[in-house]
Amino acid sequence: MATYDFNMKRTASTTASTGNITAQSVVRRGRVWDVVFGCEGTPADNAFSWRVQRCTTTGTGTTVTPIARDPADAACTSVARENHTIEPTYTANNELLELSMNQRATFRWQVDPLYGWVYPATANNGIGWQTPTAPALAVSVNVAFEE
């Protein structure tokens, strides 16, 4: 398996998704194992939540190109998007992670790659990151995954 990284940013918006990663139809599944959550807004004492959830459609967002950690690896086949204007379809009651943060904080979720969040090799299925209770903040997420 090859490992890749990508960064997603979302401009100030209340609840729109920051981004997602989805598989294409006849390719490999992926496994997310390292995520860094942060806020790029002017420091303030605002509380907000992050939610990581499975999705079954891509939604509409700006395409982000995942970069291979090893330059000898093939190009990534999964599709990453950021700054959604139309939300992906999230799987109800299937949150992988939900956490509360302060705007001044940064949080890192990291596990052994064998135990990461897996998304299937099924068209448009994947994982999305959103801030369902955020004030209007500019946020970012850095993701490391393999496929």
Protein backbone atom coordinates (compact mmCIF):
# COMPACT_ATOMS: atom_id res chain seq x y z
CA MET A 1 0.00 0.00 0.00
CA ALA A 2 1.07 3.56 -0.68
CA THR A 3 0.62 6.46 1.76
CA TYR A 4 -0.64 9.93 0.87
CA ASP A 5 -1.34 13.27 2.54
CA PHE A 6 -3.75 16.07 1.77
CA ASN A 7 -4.97 19.25 3.43
CA MET A 8 -8.55 20.53 3.39
CA LYS A 9 -9.62 24.07 4.23
CA ARG A 10 -13.02 25.61 4.60
CA THR A 11 -13.73 29.28 4.50
CA ALA A 12 -15.95 30.80 7.17
CA SER A 13 -19.27 28.98 7.21
CA THR A 14 -21.42 27.66 9.97
CA THR A 15 -21.99 23.98 9.25
CA ALA A 16 -20.70 23.13 5.77
CA SER A 17 -18.30 20.22 5.44
CA THR A 18 -14.62 20.98 5.49
CA GLY A 19 -14.01 18.14 3.07
CA ASN A 20 -14.06 14.44 2.34
CA ILE A 21 -12.22 11.62 0.64
CA THR A 22 -14.00 9.02 -1.48
CA ALA A 23 -13.10 5.98 -3.55
CA GLN A 24 -13.62 5.68 -7.27
CA SER A 25 -15.62 2.74 -8.65
CA VAL A 26 -13.13 -0.01 -9.54
CA VAL A 27 -10.10 0.78 -7.43
CA ARG A 28 -8.69 0.23 -3.97
CA ARG A 29 -10.19 1.00 -0.61
CA GLY A 30 -8.45 3.47 1.67
CA ARG A 31 -7.51 3.67 5.33
CA VAL A 32 -7.22 6.99 7.22
CA TRP A 33 -4.78 6.79 10.15
CA ASP A 34 -3.63 10.33 10.99
CA VAL A 35 -5.71 13.53 11.15
CA VAL A 36 -4.84 17.00 12.49
CA PHE A 37 -7.77 19.36 13.18
CA GLY A 38 -7.32 23.11 13.51
CA CYS A 39 -8.79 26.57 13.14
CA GLU A 40 -7.23 29.34 11.09
CA GLY A 41 -9.43 32.14 12.36
CA THR A 42 -8.30 35.02 14.53
CA PRO A 43 -7.80 33.56 18.01
CA ALA A 44 -10.90 33.80 20.18
CA ASP A 45 -12.61 31.71 22.82
CA ASN A 46 -15.17 30.05 20.59
CA ALA A 47 -16.21 26.46 21.22
CA PHE A 48 -17.16 24.21 18.33
CA SER A 49 -17.44 20.54 17.39
CA TRP A 50 -15.79 18.32 14.80
CA ARG A 51 -17.54 15.28 13.35
CA VAL A 52 -15.97 12.57 11.21
CA GLN A 53 -18.59 10.48 9.46
CA ARG A 54 -18.98 8.01 6.62
CA CYS A 55 -20.51 9.34 3.40
CA THR A 56 -22.11 7.73 0.34
CA THR A 57 -21.96 10.67 -2.09
CA THR A 58 -19.19 13.16 -2.77
CA GLY A 59 -21.11 16.42 -2.53
CA THR A 60 -19.76 19.48 -4.35
CA GLY A 61 -16.42 20.92 -3.33
CA THR A 62 -13.02 21.92 -4.66
CA THR A 63 -10.84 18.96 -5.65
CA VAL A 64 -7.63 18.51 -3.63
CA THR A 65 -4.78 16.35 -4.94
CA PRO A 66 -3.37 13.90 -2.36
CA ILE A 67 0.44 13.79 -2.47
CA ALA A 68 2.35 10.50 -2.22
CA ARG A 69 4.80 10.33 0.67
CA ASP A 70 7.12 8.24 -1.48
CA PRO A 71 7.63 9.92 -4.88
CA ALA A 72 8.06 6.47 -6.47
CA ASP A 73 4.45 5.52 -5.63
CA ALA A 74 1.68 5.75 -8.19
CA ALA A 75 -0.80 8.61 -8.19
CA CYS A 76 -3.63 8.32 -5.69
CA THR A 77 -6.89 6.88 -7.02
CA SER A 78 -9.14 8.27 -4.25
CA VAL A 79 -10.70 11.71 -4.70
CA ALA A 80 -10.40 14.40 -2.01
CA ARG A 81 -12.50 17.58 -1.85
CA GLU A 82 -12.55 20.66 0.36
CA ASN A 83 -14.74 23.68 1.09
CA HIS A 84 -18.08 22.05 0.20
CA THR A 85 -20.92 24.12 -1.19
CA ILE A 86 -23.23 21.09 -1.44
CA GLU A 87 -22.95 18.56 1.35
CA PRO A 88 -22.06 14.90 0.84
CA THR A 89 -24.72 12.40 1.90
CA TYR A 90 -23.66 11.25 5.35
CA THR A 91 -24.59 7.83 6.72
CA ALA A 92 -27.00 8.38 9.62
CA ASN A 93 -25.80 7.33 13.07
CA ASN A 94 -22.38 6.36 11.74
CA GLU A 95 -20.02 8.88 13.33
CA LEU A 96 -16.42 7.70 13.51
CA LEU A 97 -15.36 10.53 15.80
CA GLU A 98 -17.03 13.52 17.42
CA LEU A 99 -15.09 15.96 19.55
CA SER A 100 -15.48 19.39 21.03
CA MET A 101 -12.71 21.96 20.69
CA ASN A 102 -11.85 25.53 21.43
CA GLN A 103 -10.90 27.71 18.48
CA ARG A 104 -7.45 28.23 20.00
CA ALA A 105 -6.71 24.49 20.14
CA THR A 106 -5.30 21.99 17.65
CA PHE A 107 -6.09 18.28 17.94
CA ARG A 108 -4.35 15.26 16.42
CA TRP A 109 -5.96 11.82 16.03
CA GLN A 110 -3.42 9.14 15.15
CA VAL A 111 -3.46 5.33 15.27
CA ASP A 112 -1.40 2.48 13.90
CA PRO A 113 -2.29 2.36 10.17
CA LEU A 114 -3.68 -1.17 10.64
CA TYR A 115 -6.43 0.26 12.85
CA GLY A 116 -7.39 3.34 10.84
CA TRP A 117 -10.82 4.20 9.46
CA VAL A 118 -11.42 2.16 6.30
CA TYR A 119 -13.56 3.35 3.42
CA PRO A 120 -14.72 0.82 0.81
CA ALA A 121 -13.68 0.54 -2.83
CA THR A 122 -17.20 1.59 -3.80
CA ALA A 123 -17.85 4.61 -6.00
CA ASN A 124 -18.35 7.84 -4.04
CA ASN A 125 -18.16 6.14 -0.61
CA GLY A 126 -15.74 7.61 1.86
CA ILE A 127 -15.21 9.72 4.95
CA GLY A 128 -16.13 13.35 5.55
CA TRP A 129 -15.09 16.00 8.08
CA GLN A 130 -17.56 18.63 9.24
CA THR A 131 -18.13 21.17 11.99
CA PRO A 132 -21.85 20.80 12.77
CA THR A 133 -21.92 23.35 15.62
CA ALA A 134 -19.22 25.81 14.60
CA PRO A 135 -19.52 29.54 14.61
CA ALA A 136 -18.42 31.06 11.30
CA LEU A 137 -14.77 29.93 11.41
CA ALA A 138 -12.10 29.15 8.83
CA VAL A 139 -10.89 25.63 9.64
CA SER A 140 -8.46 23.08 8.23
CA VAL A 141 -7.85 19.34 8.41
CA ASN A 142 -4.64 17.51 7.45
CA VAL A 143 -5.13 13.83 6.59
CA ALA A 144 -2.70 10.93 6.13
CA PHE A 145 -4.08 7.75 4.57
CA GLU A 146 -3.11 4.72 2.55
CA GLU A 147 -4.69 2.84 -0.30
